[in-house]
Amino acid sequence: MDVGQIGPGGVNRNSGRPQKVDPQKTPAQAPQVADQASISADGRDYLAAVEALSKELKHQDDGREARVREAREKLQNGGLDNQETYRAVAETILDV
């Protein structure tokens, strides 16, 4: 009996069976390459500028904390749940 000619593509003799692994054989070792990352001089300059600006802004307090606290209280107490606020937000979104 010739089983190699059954079906349009023959018989796949390995379907459904795991391949045998010989523990004595190991796959060829690829050369070890260390990953590296580097930041360009422009990137370092940009980072330094952002950090400097961030430090400067942290030391400036022109009432921001009080305004944020007030806005948070209004939001939590429902002081912003009105048509005037909704209209202002909608206009701001549409103007963008």
PDB file of N, CA and C in Angstrom:
ATOM      1  N   MET A   1       0.843  -1.173   0.000  1.00  0.00           N
ATOM      2  CA  MET A   1       0.000   0.000   0.000  1.00  0.00           C
ATOM      3  C   MET A   1       0.890   1.238   0.000  1.00  0.00           C
ATOM      4  N   ASP A   2       0.588   2.221  -0.893  1.00  0.00           N
ATOM      5  CA  ASP A   2       1.359   3.454  -1.016  1.00  0.00           C
ATOM      6  C   ASP A   2       0.562   4.583  -0.367  1.00  0.00           C
ATOM      7  N   VAL A   3       0.915   4.986   0.858  1.00  0.00           N
ATOM      8  CA  VAL A   3       0.162   5.996   1.588  1.00  0.00           C
ATOM      9  C   VAL A   3       0.616   7.406   1.214  1.00  0.00           C
ATOM     10  N   GLY A   4       1.715   7.595   0.572  1.00  0.00           N
ATOM     11  CA  GLY A   4       2.235   8.908   0.230  1.00  0.00           C
ATOM     12  C   GLY A   4       1.385   9.634  -0.792  1.00  0.00           C
ATOM     13  N   GLN A   5       0.511   8.924  -1.484  1.00  0.00           N
ATOM     14  CA  GLN A   5      -0.282   9.532  -2.537  1.00  0.00           C
ATOM     15  C   GLN A   5      -1.723   9.809  -2.133  1.00  0.00           C
ATOM     16  N   ILE A   6      -2.059   9.677  -0.862  1.00  0.00           N
ATOM     17  CA  ILE A   6      -3.434   9.891  -0.424  1.00  0.00           C
ATOM     18  C   ILE A   6      -3.689  11.388  -0.272  1.00  0.00           C
ATOM     19  N   GLY A   7      -4.790  11.876  -0.791  1.00  0.00           N
ATOM     20  CA  GLY A   7      -5.191  13.272  -0.642  1.00  0.00           C
ATOM     21  C   GLY A   7      -4.426  14.176  -1.584  1.00  0.00           C
ATOM     22  N   PRO A   8      -4.865  15.480  -1.639  1.00  0.00           N
ATOM     23  CA  PRO A   8      -4.269  16.405  -2.594  1.00  0.00           C
ATOM     24  C   PRO A   8      -2.814  16.750  -2.271  1.00  0.00           C
ATOM     25  N   GLY A   9      -2.449  16.770  -1.014  1.00  0.00           N
ATOM     26  CA  GLY A   9      -1.064  17.138  -0.689  1.00  0.00           C
ATOM     27  C   GLY A   9      -0.294  16.015  -0.057  1.00  0.00           C
ATOM     28  N   GLY A  10      -0.791  14.823  -0.137  1.00  0.00           N
ATOM     29  CA  GLY A  10      -0.135  13.697   0.502  1.00  0.00           C
ATOM     30  C   GLY A  10      -0.533  13.629   1.973  1.00  0.00           C
ATOM     31  N   VAL A  11       0.217  12.881   2.740  1.00  0.00           N
ATOM     32  CA  VAL A  11      -0.083  12.698   4.160  1.00  0.00           C
ATOM     33  C   VAL A  11       0.929  13.473   4.983  1.00  0.00           C
ATOM     34  N   ASN A  12       0.429  14.270   5.904  1.00  0.00           N
ATOM     35  CA  ASN A  12       1.321  14.972   6.825  1.00  0.00           C
ATOM     36  C   ASN A  12       1.576  14.043   7.992  1.00  0.00           C
ATOM     37  N   ARG A  13       2.724  13.456   8.005  1.00  0.00           N
ATOM     38  CA  ARG A  13       3.022  12.419   8.986  1.00  0.00           C
ATOM     39  C   ARG A  13       3.321  12.992  10.381  1.00  0.00           C
ATOM     40  N   ASN A  14       3.525  14.297  10.502  1.00  0.00           N
ATOM     41  CA  ASN A  14       3.863  14.872  11.800  1.00  0.00           C
ATOM     42  C   ASN A  14       2.688  15.588  12.464  1.00  0.00           C
ATOM     43  N   SER A  15       1.540  15.639  11.831  1.00  0.00           N
ATOM     44  CA  SER A  15       0.438  16.415  12.401  1.00  0.00           C
ATOM     45  C   SER A  15      -0.043  15.770  13.692  1.00  0.00           C
ATOM     46  N   GLY A  16      -0.169  16.581  14.728  1.00  0.00           N
ATOM     47  CA  GLY A  16      -0.697  16.111  15.986  1.00  0.00           C
ATOM     48  C   GLY A  16       0.310  15.425  16.884  1.00  0.00           C
ATOM     49  N   ARG A  17       1.517  15.235  16.418  1.00  0.00           N
ATOM     50  CA  ARG A  17       2.519  14.565  17.253  1.00  0.00           C
ATOM     51  C   ARG A  17       3.604  15.554  17.652  1.00  0.00           C
ATOM     52  N   PRO A  18       4.000  15.557  18.925  1.00  0.00           N
ATOM     53  CA  PRO A  18       5.115  16.415  19.317  1.00  0.00           C
ATOM     54  C   PRO A  18       6.413  15.864  18.725  1.00  0.00           C
ATOM     55  N   GLN A  19       7.321  16.741  18.425  1.00  0.00           N
ATOM     56  CA  GLN A  19       8.592  16.301  17.869  1.00  0.00           C
ATOM     57  C   GLN A  19       9.477  15.754  18.978  1.00  0.00           C
ATOM     58  N   LYS A  20      10.256  14.770  18.640  1.00  0.00           N
ATOM     59  CA  LYS A  20      11.169  14.182  19.610  1.00  0.00           C
ATOM     60  C   LYS A  20      12.341  15.124  19.822  1.00  0.00           C
ATOM     61  N   VAL A  21      12.743  15.238  21.090  1.00  0.00           N
ATOM     62  CA  VAL A  21      13.871  16.102  21.425  1.00  0.00           C
ATOM     63  C   VAL A  21      14.985  15.232  21.964  1.00  0.00           C
ATOM     64  N   ASP A  22      16.154  15.377  21.384  1.00  0.00           N
ATOM     65  CA  ASP A  22      17.318  14.624  21.845  1.00  0.00           C
ATOM     66  C   ASP A  22      18.055  15.477  22.868  1.00  0.00           C
ATOM     67  N   PRO A  23      18.078  15.073  24.151  1.00  0.00           N
ATOM     68  CA  PRO A  23      18.734  15.895  25.174  1.00  0.00           C
ATOM     69  C   PRO A  23      20.235  16.030  24.961  1.00  0.00           C
ATOM     70  N   GLN A  24      20.829  15.148  24.175  1.00  0.00           N
ATOM     71  CA  GLN A  24      22.266  15.216  23.914  1.00  0.00           C
ATOM     72  C   GLN A  24      22.622  16.334  22.943  1.00  0.00           C
ATOM     73  N   LYS A  25      21.652  16.746  22.117  1.00  0.00           N
ATOM     74  CA  LYS A  25      21.892  17.781  21.116  1.00  0.00           C
ATOM     75  C   LYS A  25      21.357  19.112  21.642  1.00  0.00           C
ATOM     76  N   THR A  26      22.144  20.157  21.544  1.00  0.00           N
ATOM     77  CA  THR A  26      21.688  21.493  21.942  1.00  0.00           C
ATOM     78  C   THR A  26      21.671  22.377  20.713  1.00  0.00           C
ATOM     79  N   PRO A  27      20.736  23.311  20.639  1.00  0.00           N
ATOM     80  CA  PRO A  27      20.708  24.194  19.468  1.00  0.00           C
ATOM     81  C   PRO A  27      21.962  25.063  19.432  1.00  0.00           C
ATOM     82  N   ALA A  28      22.305  25.448  18.220  1.00  0.00           N
ATOM     83  CA  ALA A  28      23.483  26.305  18.057  1.00  0.00           C
ATOM     84  C   ALA A  28      23.291  27.589  18.857  1.00  0.00           C
ATOM     85  N   GLN A  29      24.291  27.937  19.634  1.00  0.00           N
ATOM     86  CA  GLN A  29      24.220  29.129  20.472  1.00  0.00           C
ATOM     87  C   GLN A  29      24.470  30.366  19.619  1.00  0.00           C
ATOM     88  N   ALA A  30      23.538  31.313  19.701  1.00  0.00           N
ATOM     89  CA  ALA A  30      23.718  32.591  19.005  1.00  0.00           C
ATOM     90  C   ALA A  30      24.701  33.427  19.813  1.00  0.00           C
ATOM     91  N   PRO A  31      25.496  34.229  19.147  1.00  0.00           N
ATOM     92  CA  PRO A  31      26.442  35.070  19.900  1.00  0.00           C
ATOM     93  C   PRO A  31      25.678  36.024  20.812  1.00  0.00           C
ATOM     94  N   GLN A  32      26.153  36.170  22.025  1.00  0.00           N
ATOM     95  CA  GLN A  32      25.513  37.053  23.000  1.00  0.00           C
ATOM     96  C   GLN A  32      25.863  38.502  22.677  1.00  0.00           C
ATOM     97  N   VAL A  33      24.826  39.301  22.485  1.00  0.00           N
ATOM     98  CA  VAL A  33      25.001  40.715  22.188  1.00  0.00           C
ATOM     99  C   VAL A  33      24.307  41.492  23.297  1.00  0.00           C
ATOM    100  N   ALA A  34      25.027  42.400  23.927  1.00  0.00           N
ATOM    101  CA  ALA A  34      24.430  43.193  25.000  1.00  0.00           C
ATOM    102  C   ALA A  34      23.594  44.321  24.391  1.00  0.00           C
ATOM    103  N   ASP A  35      22.390  44.499  24.939  1.00  0.00           N
ATOM    104  CA  ASP A  35      21.552  45.604  24.496  1.00  0.00           C
ATOM    105  C   ASP A  35      22.109  46.905  25.050  1.00  0.00           C
ATOM    106  N   GLN A  36      22.019  47.938  24.268  1.00  0.00           N
ATOM    107  CA  GLN A  36      22.512  49.240  24.699  1.00  0.00           C
ATOM    108  C   GLN A  36      21.503  50.303  24.329  1.00  0.00           C
ATOM    109  N   ALA A  37      21.468  51.329  25.141  1.00  0.00           N
ATOM    110  CA  ALA A  37      20.646  52.495  24.839  1.00  0.00           C
ATOM    111  C   ALA A  37      21.492  53.720  25.098  1.00  0.00           C
ATOM    112  N   SER A  38      21.317  54.706  24.270  1.00  0.00           N
ATOM    113  CA  SER A  38      22.068  55.937  24.491  1.00  0.00           C
ATOM    114  C   SER A  38      21.153  57.124  24.212  1.00  0.00           C
ATOM    115  N   ILE A  39      21.423  58.197  24.916  1.00  0.00           N
ATOM    116  CA  ILE A  39      20.643  59.423  24.756  1.00  0.00           C
ATOM    117  C   ILE A  39      21.536  60.443  24.063  1.00  0.00           C
ATOM    118  N   SER A  40      20.999  61.050  23.041  1.00  0.00           N
ATOM    119  CA  SER A  40      21.785  62.020  22.282  1.00  0.00           C
ATOM    120  C   SER A  40      22.055  63.258  23.132  1.00  0.00           C
ATOM    121  N   ALA A  41      22.989  64.066  22.694  1.00  0.00           N
ATOM    122  CA  ALA A  41      23.316  65.304  23.400  1.00  0.00           C
ATOM    123  C   ALA A  41      22.094  66.224  23.443  1.00  0.00           C
ATOM    124  N   ASP A  42      21.343  66.278  22.345  1.00  0.00           N
ATOM    125  CA  ASP A  42      20.121  67.097  22.319  1.00  0.00           C
ATOM    126  C   ASP A  42      19.107  66.588  23.340  1.00  0.00           C
ATOM    127  N   GLY A  43      18.992  65.278  23.450  1.00  0.00           N
ATOM    128  CA  GLY A  43      18.070  64.694  24.412  1.00  0.00           C
ATOM    129  C   GLY A  43      18.462  65.018  25.845  1.00  0.00           C
ATOM    130  N   ARG A  44      19.770  64.951  26.128  1.00  0.00           N
ATOM    131  CA  ARG A  44      20.247  65.294  27.476  1.00  0.00           C
ATOM    132  C   ARG A  44      20.002  66.768  27.776  1.00  0.00           C
ATOM    133  N   ASP A  45      20.238  67.633  26.790  1.00  0.00           N
ATOM    134  CA  ASP A  45      19.997  69.069  26.989  1.00  0.00           C
ATOM    135  C   ASP A  45      18.516  69.342  27.238  1.00  0.00           C
ATOM    136  N   TYR A  46      17.647  68.667  26.491  1.00  0.00           N
ATOM    137  CA  TYR A  46      16.213  68.850  26.648  1.00  0.00           C
ATOM    138  C   TYR A  46      15.779  68.393  28.040  1.00  0.00           C
ATOM    139  N   LEU A  47      16.276  67.247  28.471  1.00  0.00           N
ATOM    140  CA  LEU A  47      15.935  66.728  29.789  1.00  0.00           C
ATOM    141  C   LEU A  47      16.387  67.687  30.882  1.00  0.00           C
ATOM    142  N   ALA A  48      17.584  68.229  30.763  1.00  0.00           N
ATOM    143  CA  ALA A  48      18.084  69.178  31.761  1.00  0.00           C
ATOM    144  C   ALA A  48      17.206  70.425  31.806  1.00  0.00           C
ATOM    145  N   ALA A  49      16.776  70.908  30.645  1.00  0.00           N
ATOM    146  CA  ALA A  49      15.924  72.094  30.605  1.00  0.00           C
ATOM    147  C   ALA A  49      14.564  71.815  31.242  1.00  0.00           C
ATOM    148  N   VAL A  50      13.990  70.654  30.975  1.00  0.00           N
ATOM    149  CA  VAL A  50      12.694  70.293  31.544  1.00  0.00           C
ATOM    150  C   VAL A  50      12.813  70.163  33.056  1.00  0.00           C
ATOM    151  N   GLU A  51      13.864  69.521  33.528  1.00  0.00           N
ATOM    152  CA  GLU A  51      14.046  69.367  34.974  1.00  0.00           C
ATOM    153  C   GLU A  51      14.250  70.715  35.654  1.00  0.00           C
ATOM    154  N   ALA A  52      15.007  71.611  35.036  1.00  0.00           N
ATOM    155  CA  ALA A  52      15.232  72.941  35.607  1.00  0.00           C
ATOM    156  C   ALA A  52      13.917  73.714  35.686  1.00  0.00           C
ATOM    157  N   LEU A  53      13.134  73.662  34.633  1.00  0.00           N
ATOM    158  CA  LEU A  53      11.845  74.347  34.617  1.00  0.00           C
ATOM    159  C   LEU A  53      10.899  73.758  35.662  1.00  0.00           C
ATOM    160  N   SER A  54      10.918  72.452  35.797  1.00  0.00           N
ATOM    161  CA  SER A  54      10.082  71.781  36.783  1.00  0.00           C
ATOM    162  C   SER A  54      10.450  72.219  38.201  1.00  0.00           C
ATOM    163  N   LYS A  55      11.742  72.285  38.497  1.00  0.00           N
ATOM    164  CA  LYS A  55      12.191  72.745  39.827  1.00  0.00           C
ATOM    165  C   LYS A  55      11.752  74.184  40.072  1.00  0.00           C
ATOM    166  N   GLU A  56      11.905  75.017  39.056  1.00  0.00           N
ATOM    167  CA  GLU A  56      11.540  76.432  39.190  1.00  0.00           C
ATOM    168  C   GLU A  56      10.046  76.576  39.471  1.00  0.00           C
ATOM    169  N   LEU A  57       9.229  75.810  38.754  1.00  0.00           N
ATOM    170  CA  LEU A  57       7.785  75.900  38.938  1.00  0.00           C
ATOM    171  C   LEU A  57       7.345  75.373  40.295  1.00  0.00           C
ATOM    172  N   LYS A  58       8.055  74.386  40.833  1.00  0.00           N
ATOM    173  CA  LYS A  58       7.704  73.853  42.145  1.00  0.00           C
ATOM    174  C   LYS A  58       7.932  74.884  43.241  1.00  0.00           C
ATOM    175  N   HIS A  59       8.926  75.733  43.053  1.00  0.00           N
ATOM    176  CA  HIS A  59       9.244  76.733  44.070  1.00  0.00           C
ATOM    177  C   HIS A  59       8.366  77.973  43.957  1.00  0.00           C
ATOM    178  N   GLN A  60       7.703  78.147  42.836  1.00  0.00           N
ATOM    179  CA  GLN A  60       6.815  79.293  42.678  1.00  0.00           C
ATOM    180  C   GLN A  60       5.424  78.906  43.171  1.00  0.00           C
ATOM    181  N   ASP A  61       4.870  79.697  44.054  1.00  0.00           N
ATOM    182  CA  ASP A  61       3.498  79.452  44.490  1.00  0.00           C
ATOM    183  C   ASP A  61       2.765  80.777  44.420  1.00  0.00           C
ATOM    184  N   ASP A  62       2.044  80.951  43.350  1.00  0.00           N
ATOM    185  CA  ASP A  62       1.306  82.194  43.161  1.00  0.00           C
ATOM    186  C   ASP A  62      -0.174  81.967  43.449  1.00  0.00           C
ATOM    187  N   GLY A  63      -0.453  81.193  44.500  1.00  0.00           N
ATOM    188  CA  GLY A  63      -1.828  80.929  44.878  1.00  0.00           C
ATOM    189  C   GLY A  63      -2.435  79.733  44.182  1.00  0.00           C
ATOM    190  N   ARG A  64      -1.615  78.981  43.483  1.00  0.00           N
ATOM    191  CA  ARG A  64      -2.125  77.839  42.725  1.00  0.00           C
ATOM    192  C   ARG A  64      -2.783  76.818  43.635  1.00  0.00           C
ATOM    193  N   GLU A  65      -2.140  76.509  44.739  1.00  0.00           N
ATOM    194  CA  GLU A  65      -2.700  75.492  45.637  1.00  0.00           C
ATOM    195  C   GLU A  65      -4.083  75.894  46.139  1.00  0.00           C
ATOM    196  N   ALA A  66      -4.248  77.164  46.466  1.00  0.00           N
ATOM    197  CA  ALA A  66      -5.542  77.647  46.955  1.00  0.00           C
ATOM    198  C   ALA A  66      -6.601  77.551  45.847  1.00  0.00           C
ATOM    199  N   ARG A  67      -6.224  77.897  44.611  1.00  0.00           N
ATOM    200  CA  ARG A  67      -7.174  77.830  43.491  1.00  0.00           C
ATOM    201  C   ARG A  67      -7.569  76.385  43.193  1.00  0.00           C
ATOM    202  N   VAL A  68      -6.599  75.491  43.265  1.00  0.00           N
ATOM    203  CA  VAL A  68      -6.886  74.080  43.016  1.00  0.00           C
ATOM    204  C   VAL A  68      -7.798  73.544  44.113  1.00  0.00           C
ATOM    205  N   ARG A  69      -7.500  73.882  45.358  1.00  0.00           N
ATOM    206  CA  ARG A  69      -8.328  73.434  46.475  1.00  0.00           C
ATOM    207  C   ARG A  69      -9.767  73.948  46.325  1.00  0.00           C
ATOM    208  N   GLU A  70      -9.911  75.223  45.941  1.00  0.00           N
ATOM    209  CA  GLU A  70     -11.233  75.831  45.746  1.00  0.00           C
ATOM    210  C   GLU A  70     -11.992  75.140  44.613  1.00  0.00           C
ATOM    211  N   ALA A  71     -11.310  74.886  43.508  1.00  0.00           N
ATOM    212  CA  ALA A  71     -11.955  74.227  42.372  1.00  0.00           C
ATOM    213  C   ALA A  71     -12.373  72.808  42.742  1.00  0.00           C
ATOM    214  N   ARG A  72     -11.532  72.104  43.477  1.00  0.00           N
ATOM    215  CA  ARG A  72     -11.866  70.742  43.893  1.00  0.00           C
ATOM    216  C   ARG A  72     -13.107  70.742  44.787  1.00  0.00           C
ATOM    217  N   GLU A  73     -13.178  71.689  45.708  1.00  0.00           N
ATOM    218  CA  GLU A  73     -14.344  71.789  46.595  1.00  0.00           C
ATOM    219  C   GLU A  73     -15.619  72.082  45.804  1.00  0.00           C
ATOM    220  N   LYS A  74     -15.518  73.004  44.835  1.00  0.00           N
ATOM    221  CA  LYS A  74     -16.688  73.313  43.995  1.00  0.00           C
ATOM    222  C   LYS A  74     -17.154  72.083  43.234  1.00  0.00           C
ATOM    223  N   LEU A  75     -16.209  71.348  42.710  1.00  0.00           N
ATOM    224  CA  LEU A  75     -16.527  70.155  41.934  1.00  0.00           C
ATOM    225  C   LEU A  75     -17.194  69.101  42.814  1.00  0.00           C
ATOM    226  N   GLN A  76     -16.647  68.878  43.998  1.00  0.00           N
ATOM    227  CA  GLN A  76     -17.196  67.865  44.895  1.00  0.00           C
ATOM    228  C   GLN A  76     -18.545  68.270  45.479  1.00  0.00           C
ATOM    229  N   ASN A  77     -18.754  69.556  45.697  1.00  0.00           N
ATOM    230  CA  ASN A  77     -20.005  70.029  46.287  1.00  0.00           C
ATOM    231  C   ASN A  77     -21.092  70.298  45.253  1.00  0.00           C
ATOM    232  N   GLY A  78     -20.801  70.097  43.981  1.00  0.00           N
ATOM    233  CA  GLY A  78     -21.800  70.308  42.943  1.00  0.00           C
ATOM    234  C   GLY A  78     -21.902  71.756  42.494  1.00  0.00           C
ATOM    235  N   GLY A  79     -20.953  72.583  42.892  1.00  0.00           N
ATOM    236  CA  GLY A  79     -20.990  73.992  42.518  1.00  0.00           C
ATOM    237  C   GLY A  79     -20.759  74.246  41.042  1.00  0.00           C
ATOM    238  N   LEU A  80     -20.297  73.234  40.337  1.00  0.00           N
ATOM    239  CA  LEU A  80     -20.061  73.395  38.895  1.00  0.00           C
ATOM    240  C   LEU A  80     -21.137  72.709  38.058  1.00  0.00           C
ATOM    241  N   ASP A  81     -22.128  72.138  38.716  1.00  0.00           N
ATOM    242  CA  ASP A  81     -23.206  71.454  38.002  1.00  0.00           C
ATOM    243  C   ASP A  81     -24.317  72.441  37.657  1.00  0.00           C
ATOM    244  N   ASN A  82     -24.072  73.253  36.636  1.00  0.00           N
ATOM    245  CA  ASN A  82     -25.092  74.211  36.199  1.00  0.00           C
ATOM    246  C   ASN A  82     -24.918  74.486  34.711  1.00  0.00           C
ATOM    247  N   GLN A  83     -25.920  75.065  34.117  1.00  0.00           N
ATOM    248  CA  GLN A  83     -25.921  75.308  32.677  1.00  0.00           C
ATOM    249  C   GLN A  83     -24.797  76.250  32.251  1.00  0.00           C
ATOM    250  N   GLU A  84     -24.481  77.222  33.073  1.00  0.00           N
ATOM    251  CA  GLU A  84     -23.422  78.179  32.732  1.00  0.00           C
ATOM    252  C   GLU A  84     -22.076  77.464  32.577  1.00  0.00           C
ATOM    253  N   THR A  85     -21.776  76.574  33.497  1.00  0.00           N
ATOM    254  CA  THR A  85     -20.525  75.816  33.424  1.00  0.00           C
ATOM    255  C   THR A  85     -20.521  74.905  32.207  1.00  0.00           C
ATOM    256  N   TYR A  86     -21.621  74.213  31.969  1.00  0.00           N
ATOM    257  CA  TYR A  86     -21.701  73.316  30.812  1.00  0.00           C
ATOM    258  C   TYR A  86     -21.497  74.082  29.512  1.00  0.00           C
ATOM    259  N   ARG A  87     -22.113  75.251  29.412  1.00  0.00           N
ATOM    260  CA  ARG A  87     -21.990  76.066  28.202  1.00  0.00           C
ATOM    261  C   ARG A  87     -20.536  76.525  28.006  1.00  0.00           C
ATOM    262  N   ALA A  88     -19.896  76.972  29.099  1.00  0.00           N
ATOM    263  CA  ALA A  88     -18.506  77.436  29.008  1.00  0.00           C
ATOM    264  C   ALA A  88     -17.580  76.302  28.571  1.00  0.00           C
ATOM    265  N   VAL A  89     -17.792  75.113  29.108  1.00  0.00           N
ATOM    266  CA  VAL A  89     -16.965  73.962  28.725  1.00  0.00           C
ATOM    267  C   VAL A  89     -17.202  73.608  27.259  1.00  0.00           C
ATOM    268  N   ALA A  90     -18.454  73.586  26.840  1.00  0.00           N
ATOM    269  CA  ALA A  90     -18.775  73.266  25.457  1.00  0.00           C
ATOM    270  C   ALA A  90     -18.155  74.275  24.497  1.00  0.00           C
ATOM    271  N   GLU A  91     -18.235  75.565  24.833  1.00  0.00           N
ATOM    272  CA  GLU A  91     -17.641  76.595  23.976  1.00  0.00           C
ATOM    273  C   GLU A  91     -16.132  76.440  23.908  1.00  0.00           C
ATOM    274  N   THR A  92     -15.519  76.113  25.017  1.00  0.00           N
ATOM    275  CA  THR A  92     -14.073  75.919  25.031  1.00  0.00           C
ATOM    276  C   THR A  92     -13.681  74.738  24.129  1.00  0.00           C
ATOM    277  N   ILE A  93     -14.451  73.660  24.233  1.00  0.00           N
ATOM    278  CA  ILE A  93     -14.159  72.485  23.414  1.00  0.00           C
ATOM    279  C   ILE A  93     -14.344  72.802  21.923  1.00  0.00           C
ATOM    280  N   LEU A  94     -15.396  73.512  21.588  1.00  0.00           N
ATOM    281  CA  LEU A  94     -15.668  73.818  20.197  1.00  0.00           C
ATOM    282  C   LEU A  94     -14.669  74.823  19.617  1.00  0.00           C
ATOM    283  N   ASP A  95     -14.135  75.695  20.448  1.00  0.00           N
ATOM    284  CA  ASP A  95     -13.154  76.682  19.976  1.00  0.00           C
ATOM    285  C   ASP A  95     -11.798  76.056  19.703  1.00  0.00           C
ATOM    286  N   VAL A  96     -11.546  74.914  20.284  1.00  0.00           N
ATOM    287  CA  VAL A  96     -10.248  74.248  20.106  1.00  0.00           C
ATOM    288  C   VAL A  96     -10.220  73.661  18.765  1.00  0.00           C
TER     289      VAL A  96
END
